[in-house]
Amino acid sequence: MLPKIRDFVKKNKFDIILFLGVVLVSLLSFSLGYITAKMEEKEPLKFEEPIYEDTSINRHNS
């Protein structure tokens, strides 16, 4: 079993390194975006009064 794994790794070393590099860059990018978003946390929107449109203006009397 171990020789098969060793042969697989030797055969596909470049692809494994490339895959690990892509995964690490993706995780790093996500982490930096998450940290940046947390640092720029803003106050949530608050609606004091509901806004209603007067729909009677747009109605046509038939």
PDB file of N, CA and C in Angstrom:
ATOM      1  N   MET A   1       0.826  -1.195   0.000  1.00  0.00           N
ATOM      2  CA  MET A   1       0.000   0.000   0.000  1.00  0.00           C
ATOM      3  C   MET A   1       0.871   1.261   0.000  1.00  0.00           C
ATOM      4  N   LEU A   2       1.868   1.313   0.872  1.00  0.00           N
ATOM      5  CA  LEU A   2       2.738   2.480   0.961  1.00  0.00           C
ATOM      6  C   LEU A   2       3.548   2.712  -0.314  1.00  0.00           C
ATOM      7  N   PRO A   3       4.058   1.670  -0.949  1.00  0.00           N
ATOM      8  CA  PRO A   3       4.776   1.911  -2.217  1.00  0.00           C
ATOM      9  C   PRO A   3       3.872   2.487  -3.311  1.00  0.00           C
ATOM     10  N   LYS A   4       2.598   2.099  -3.305  1.00  0.00           N
ATOM     11  CA  LYS A   4       1.670   2.643  -4.308  1.00  0.00           C
ATOM     12  C   LYS A   4       1.466   4.140  -4.085  1.00  0.00           C
ATOM     13  N   ILE A   5       1.333   4.525  -2.821  1.00  0.00           N
ATOM     14  CA  ILE A   5       1.147   5.945  -2.506  1.00  0.00           C
ATOM     15  C   ILE A   5       2.401   6.725  -2.883  1.00  0.00           C
ATOM     16  N   ARG A   6       3.564   6.178  -2.553  1.00  0.00           N
ATOM     17  CA  ARG A   6       4.831   6.832  -2.864  1.00  0.00           C
ATOM     18  C   ARG A   6       4.998   6.999  -4.372  1.00  0.00           C
ATOM     19  N   ASP A   7       4.659   5.969  -5.134  1.00  0.00           N
ATOM     20  CA  ASP A   7       4.743   6.061  -6.593  1.00  0.00           C
ATOM     21  C   ASP A   7       3.770   7.094  -7.149  1.00  0.00           C
ATOM     22  N   PHE A   8       2.569   7.144  -6.580  1.00  0.00           N
ATOM     23  CA  PHE A   8       1.570   8.123  -7.017  1.00  0.00           C
ATOM     24  C   PHE A   8       2.073   9.539  -6.773  1.00  0.00           C
ATOM     25  N   VAL A   9       2.642   9.775  -5.582  1.00  0.00           N
ATOM     26  CA  VAL A   9       3.146  11.104  -5.249  1.00  0.00           C
ATOM     27  C   VAL A   9       4.307  11.486  -6.160  1.00  0.00           C
ATOM     28  N   LYS A  10       5.220  10.557  -6.394  1.00  0.00           N
ATOM     29  CA  LYS A  10       6.353  10.849  -7.276  1.00  0.00           C
ATOM     30  C   LYS A  10       5.888  11.139  -8.697  1.00  0.00           C
ATOM     31  N   LYS A  11       4.887  10.398  -9.138  1.00  0.00           N
ATOM     32  CA  LYS A  11       4.383  10.548 -10.505  1.00  0.00           C
ATOM     33  C   LYS A  11       3.642  11.879 -10.691  1.00  0.00           C
ATOM     34  N   ASN A  12       2.926  12.308  -9.659  1.00  0.00           N
ATOM     35  CA  ASN A  12       2.066  13.498  -9.774  1.00  0.00           C
ATOM     36  C   ASN A  12       2.533  14.643  -8.869  1.00  0.00           C
ATOM     37  N   LYS A  13       3.826  14.735  -8.613  1.00  0.00           N
ATOM     38  CA  LYS A  13       4.348  15.736  -7.686  1.00  0.00           C
ATOM     39  C   LYS A  13       3.986  17.159  -8.113  1.00  0.00           C
ATOM     40  N   PHE A  14       4.164  17.476  -9.381  1.00  0.00           N
ATOM     41  CA  PHE A  14       3.872  18.833  -9.859  1.00  0.00           C
ATOM     42  C   PHE A  14       2.390  19.185  -9.684  1.00  0.00           C
ATOM     43  N   ASP A  15       1.496  18.248 -10.022  1.00  0.00           N
ATOM     44  CA  ASP A  15       0.056  18.505  -9.893  1.00  0.00           C
ATOM     45  C   ASP A  15      -0.351  18.663  -8.429  1.00  0.00           C
ATOM     46  N   ILE A  16       0.239  17.893  -7.548  1.00  0.00           N
ATOM     47  CA  ILE A  16      -0.086  17.989  -6.116  1.00  0.00           C
ATOM     48  C   ILE A  16       0.369  19.339  -5.567  1.00  0.00           C
ATOM     49  N   ILE A  17       1.574  19.762  -5.936  1.00  0.00           N
ATOM     50  CA  ILE A  17       2.077  21.057  -5.481  1.00  0.00           C
ATOM     51  C   ILE A  17       1.217  22.190  -6.023  1.00  0.00           C
ATOM     52  N   LEU A  18       0.826  22.107  -7.279  1.00  0.00           N
ATOM     53  CA  LEU A  18      -0.034  23.122  -7.882  1.00  0.00           C
ATOM     54  C   LEU A  18      -1.385  23.184  -7.176  1.00  0.00           C
ATOM     55  N   PHE A  19      -1.959  22.033  -6.905  1.00  0.00           N
ATOM     56  CA  PHE A  19      -3.250  21.976  -6.200  1.00  0.00           C
ATOM     57  C   PHE A  19      -3.136  22.590  -4.809  1.00  0.00           C
ATOM     58  N   LEU A  20      -2.097  22.227  -4.067  1.00  0.00           N
ATOM     59  CA  LEU A  20      -1.917  22.786  -2.727  1.00  0.00           C
ATOM     60  C   LEU A  20      -1.688  24.296  -2.785  1.00  0.00           C
ATOM     61  N   GLY A  21      -0.970  24.767  -3.789  1.00  0.00           N
ATOM     62  CA  GLY A  21      -0.761  26.204  -3.943  1.00  0.00           C
ATOM     63  C   GLY A  21      -2.064  26.949  -4.198  1.00  0.00           C
ATOM     64  N   VAL A  22      -2.896  26.398  -5.059  1.00  0.00           N
ATOM     65  CA  VAL A  22      -4.191  27.035  -5.356  1.00  0.00           C
ATOM     66  C   VAL A  22      -5.067  27.065  -4.109  1.00  0.00           C
ATOM     67  N   VAL A  23      -5.099  25.965  -3.368  1.00  0.00           N
ATOM     68  CA  VAL A  23      -5.906  25.904  -2.144  1.00  0.00           C
ATOM     69  C   VAL A  23      -5.393  26.912  -1.119  1.00  0.00           C
ATOM     70  N   LEU A  24      -4.094  26.994  -0.939  1.00  0.00           N
ATOM     71  CA  LEU A  24      -3.539  27.932   0.037  1.00  0.00           C
ATOM     72  C   LEU A  24      -3.801  29.389  -0.347  1.00  0.00           C
ATOM     73  N   VAL A  25      -3.661  29.721  -1.622  1.00  0.00           N
ATOM     74  CA  VAL A  25      -3.943  31.094  -2.066  1.00  0.00           C
ATOM     75  C   VAL A  25      -5.422  31.418  -1.887  1.00  0.00           C
ATOM     76  N   SER A  26      -6.291  30.463  -2.171  1.00  0.00           N
ATOM     77  CA  SER A  26      -7.732  30.687  -1.995  1.00  0.00           C
ATOM     78  C   SER A  26      -8.073  30.925  -0.534  1.00  0.00           C
ATOM     79  N   LEU A  27      -7.519  30.108   0.350  1.00  0.00           N
ATOM     80  CA  LEU A  27      -7.788  30.279   1.780  1.00  0.00           C
ATOM     81  C   LEU A  27      -7.226  31.602   2.300  1.00  0.00           C
ATOM     82  N   LEU A  28      -6.066  31.973   1.837  1.00  0.00           N
ATOM     83  CA  LEU A  28      -5.471  33.240   2.254  1.00  0.00           C
ATOM     84  C   LEU A  28      -6.319  34.423   1.775  1.00  0.00           C
ATOM     85  N   SER A  29      -6.797  34.365   0.552  1.00  0.00           N
ATOM     86  CA  SER A  29      -7.635  35.443   0.013  1.00  0.00           C
ATOM     87  C   SER A  29      -8.934  35.562   0.784  1.00  0.00           C
ATOM     88  N   PHE A  30      -9.552  34.431   1.077  1.00  0.00           N
ATOM     89  CA  PHE A  30     -10.799  34.459   1.842  1.00  0.00           C
ATOM     90  C   PHE A  30     -10.560  35.032   3.230  1.00  0.00           C
ATOM     91  N   SER A  31      -9.478  34.612   3.870  1.00  0.00           N
ATOM     92  CA  SER A  31      -9.178  35.090   5.224  1.00  0.00           C
ATOM     93  C   SER A  31      -8.938  36.593   5.241  1.00  0.00           C
ATOM     94  N   LEU A  32      -8.180  37.088   4.281  1.00  0.00           N
ATOM     95  CA  LEU A  32      -7.926  38.524   4.231  1.00  0.00           C
ATOM     96  C   LEU A  32      -9.207  39.317   3.981  1.00  0.00           C
ATOM     97  N   GLY A  33     -10.073  38.812   3.111  1.00  0.00           N
ATOM     98  CA  GLY A  33     -11.355  39.477   2.868  1.00  0.00           C
ATOM     99  C   GLY A  33     -12.236  39.474   4.097  1.00  0.00           C
ATOM    100  N   TYR A  34     -12.251  38.384   4.812  1.00  0.00           N
ATOM    101  CA  TYR A  34     -13.059  38.273   6.029  1.00  0.00           C
ATOM    102  C   TYR A  34     -12.551  39.236   7.096  1.00  0.00           C
ATOM    103  N   ILE A  35     -11.233  39.284   7.274  1.00  0.00           N
ATOM    104  CA  ILE A  35     -10.653  40.184   8.273  1.00  0.00           C
ATOM    105  C   ILE A  35     -10.920  41.640   7.905  1.00  0.00           C
ATOM    106  N   THR A  36     -10.787  41.976   6.635  1.00  0.00           N
ATOM    107  CA  THR A  36     -11.045  43.337   6.184  1.00  0.00           C
ATOM    108  C   THR A  36     -12.501  43.722   6.414  1.00  0.00           C
ATOM    109  N   ALA A  37     -13.418  42.808   6.139  1.00  0.00           N
ATOM    110  CA  ALA A  37     -14.836  43.092   6.335  1.00  0.00           C
ATOM    111  C   ALA A  37     -15.150  43.290   7.808  1.00  0.00           C
ATOM    112  N   LYS A  38     -14.526  42.528   8.674  1.00  0.00           N
ATOM    113  CA  LYS A  38     -14.751  42.684  10.114  1.00  0.00           C
ATOM    114  C   LYS A  38     -14.213  44.017  10.614  1.00  0.00           C
ATOM    115  N   MET A  39     -13.101  44.464  10.051  1.00  0.00           N
ATOM    116  CA  MET A  39     -12.514  45.736  10.486  1.00  0.00           C
ATOM    117  C   MET A  39     -13.373  46.920  10.041  1.00  0.00           C
ATOM    118  N   GLU A  40     -14.053  46.788   8.932  1.00  0.00           N
ATOM    119  CA  GLU A  40     -14.880  47.876   8.404  1.00  0.00           C
ATOM    120  C   GLU A  40     -16.350  47.658   8.734  1.00  0.00           C
ATOM    121  N   GLU A  41     -16.611  47.025   9.844  1.00  0.00           N
ATOM    122  CA  GLU A  41     -17.994  46.727  10.219  1.00  0.00           C
ATOM    123  C   GLU A  41     -18.772  48.024  10.377  1.00  0.00           C
ATOM    124  N   LYS A  42     -19.903  48.084   9.744  1.00  0.00           N
ATOM    125  CA  LYS A  42     -20.714  49.297   9.766  1.00  0.00           C
ATOM    126  C   LYS A  42     -21.979  49.050  10.568  1.00  0.00           C
ATOM    127  N   GLU A  43     -22.590  50.127  10.985  1.00  0.00           N
ATOM    128  CA  GLU A  43     -23.835  50.040  11.726  1.00  0.00           C
ATOM    129  C   GLU A  43     -24.951  49.613  10.768  1.00  0.00           C
ATOM    130  N   PRO A  44     -25.789  48.669  11.175  1.00  0.00           N
ATOM    131  CA  PRO A  44     -26.861  48.218  10.277  1.00  0.00           C
ATOM    132  C   PRO A  44     -27.895  49.322  10.034  1.00  0.00           C
ATOM    133  N   LEU A  45     -28.563  49.224   8.902  1.00  0.00           N
ATOM    134  CA  LEU A  45     -29.598  50.200   8.564  1.00  0.00           C
ATOM    135  C   LEU A  45     -30.779  50.054   9.515  1.00  0.00           C
ATOM    136  N   LYS A  46     -31.321  51.193   9.913  1.00  0.00           N
ATOM    137  CA  LYS A  46     -32.501  51.191  10.782  1.00  0.00           C
ATOM    138  C   LYS A  46     -33.577  52.018  10.099  1.00  0.00           C
ATOM    139  N   PHE A  47     -34.761  51.455   9.977  1.00  0.00           N
ATOM    140  CA  PHE A  47     -35.888  52.151   9.373  1.00  0.00           C
ATOM    141  C   PHE A  47     -36.816  52.600  10.490  1.00  0.00           C
ATOM    142  N   GLU A  48     -36.945  53.905  10.636  1.00  0.00           N
ATOM    143  CA  GLU A  48     -37.753  54.463  11.714  1.00  0.00           C
ATOM    144  C   GLU A  48     -39.244  54.409  11.380  1.00  0.00           C
ATOM    145  N   GLU A  49     -39.603  54.803  10.173  1.00  0.00           N
ATOM    146  CA  GLU A  49     -41.007  54.820   9.762  1.00  0.00           C
ATOM    147  C   GLU A  49     -41.153  54.078   8.446  1.00  0.00           C
ATOM    148  N   PRO A  50     -42.211  53.308   8.299  1.00  0.00           N
ATOM    149  CA  PRO A  50     -42.428  52.659   6.999  1.00  0.00           C
ATOM    150  C   PRO A  50     -42.804  53.702   5.947  1.00  0.00           C
ATOM    151  N   ILE A  51     -42.357  53.507   4.754  1.00  0.00           N
ATOM    152  CA  ILE A  51     -42.642  54.428   3.654  1.00  0.00           C
ATOM    153  C   ILE A  51     -43.684  53.769   2.750  1.00  0.00           C
ATOM    154  N   TYR A  52     -44.814  54.440   2.575  1.00  0.00           N
ATOM    155  CA  TYR A  52     -45.881  53.930   1.713  1.00  0.00           C
ATOM    156  C   TYR A  52     -46.044  54.851   0.525  1.00  0.00           C
ATOM    157  N   GLU A  53     -46.209  54.258  -0.631  1.00  0.00           N
ATOM    158  CA  GLU A  53     -46.467  55.055  -1.823  1.00  0.00           C
ATOM    159  C   GLU A  53     -47.967  55.203  -1.994  1.00  0.00           C
ATOM    160  N   ASP A  54     -48.367  56.367  -2.478  1.00  0.00           N
ATOM    161  CA  ASP A  54     -49.775  56.599  -2.745  1.00  0.00           C
ATOM    162  C   ASP A  54     -50.079  56.037  -4.133  1.00  0.00           C
ATOM    163  N   THR A  55     -50.699  54.863  -4.175  1.00  0.00           N
ATOM    164  CA  THR A  55     -50.969  54.212  -5.454  1.00  0.00           C
ATOM    165  C   THR A  55     -52.220  54.749  -6.135  1.00  0.00           C
ATOM    166  N   SER A  56     -52.992  55.593  -5.448  1.00  0.00           N
ATOM    167  CA  SER A  56     -54.213  56.095  -6.070  1.00  0.00           C
ATOM    168  C   SER A  56     -53.916  57.078  -7.188  1.00  0.00           C
ATOM    169  N   ILE A  57     -52.733  57.654  -7.204  1.00  0.00           N
ATOM    170  CA  ILE A  57     -52.376  58.619  -8.247  1.00  0.00           C
ATOM    171  C   ILE A  57     -52.219  57.916  -9.592  1.00  0.00           C
ATOM    172  N   ASN A  58     -51.714  56.726  -9.589  1.00  0.00           N
ATOM    173  CA  ASN A  58     -51.432  55.998 -10.818  1.00  0.00           C
ATOM    174  C   ASN A  58     -52.642  55.224 -11.349  1.00  0.00           C
ATOM    175  N   ARG A  59     -53.739  55.171 -10.619  1.00  0.00           N
ATOM    176  CA  ARG A  59     -54.918  54.404 -11.068  1.00  0.00           C
ATOM    177  C   ARG A  59     -55.724  55.226 -12.061  1.00  0.00           C
ATOM    178  N   HIS A  60     -56.245  54.542 -13.041  1.00  0.00           N
ATOM    179  CA  HIS A  60     -57.123  55.178 -14.015  1.00  0.00           C
ATOM    180  C   HIS A  60     -58.546  54.790 -13.683  1.00  0.00           C
ATOM    181  N   ASN A  61     -59.433  55.772 -13.675  1.00  0.00           N
ATOM    182  CA  ASN A  61     -60.859  55.482 -13.406  1.00  0.00           C
ATOM    183  C   ASN A  61     -61.480  54.916 -14.669  1.00  0.00           C
ATOM    184  N   SER A  62     -62.011  53.696 -14.563  1.00  0.00           N
ATOM    185  CA  SER A  62     -62.605  53.062 -15.735  1.00  0.00           C
ATOM    186  C   SER A  62     -64.099  53.110 -15.662  1.00  0.00           C
TER     187      SER A  62
END
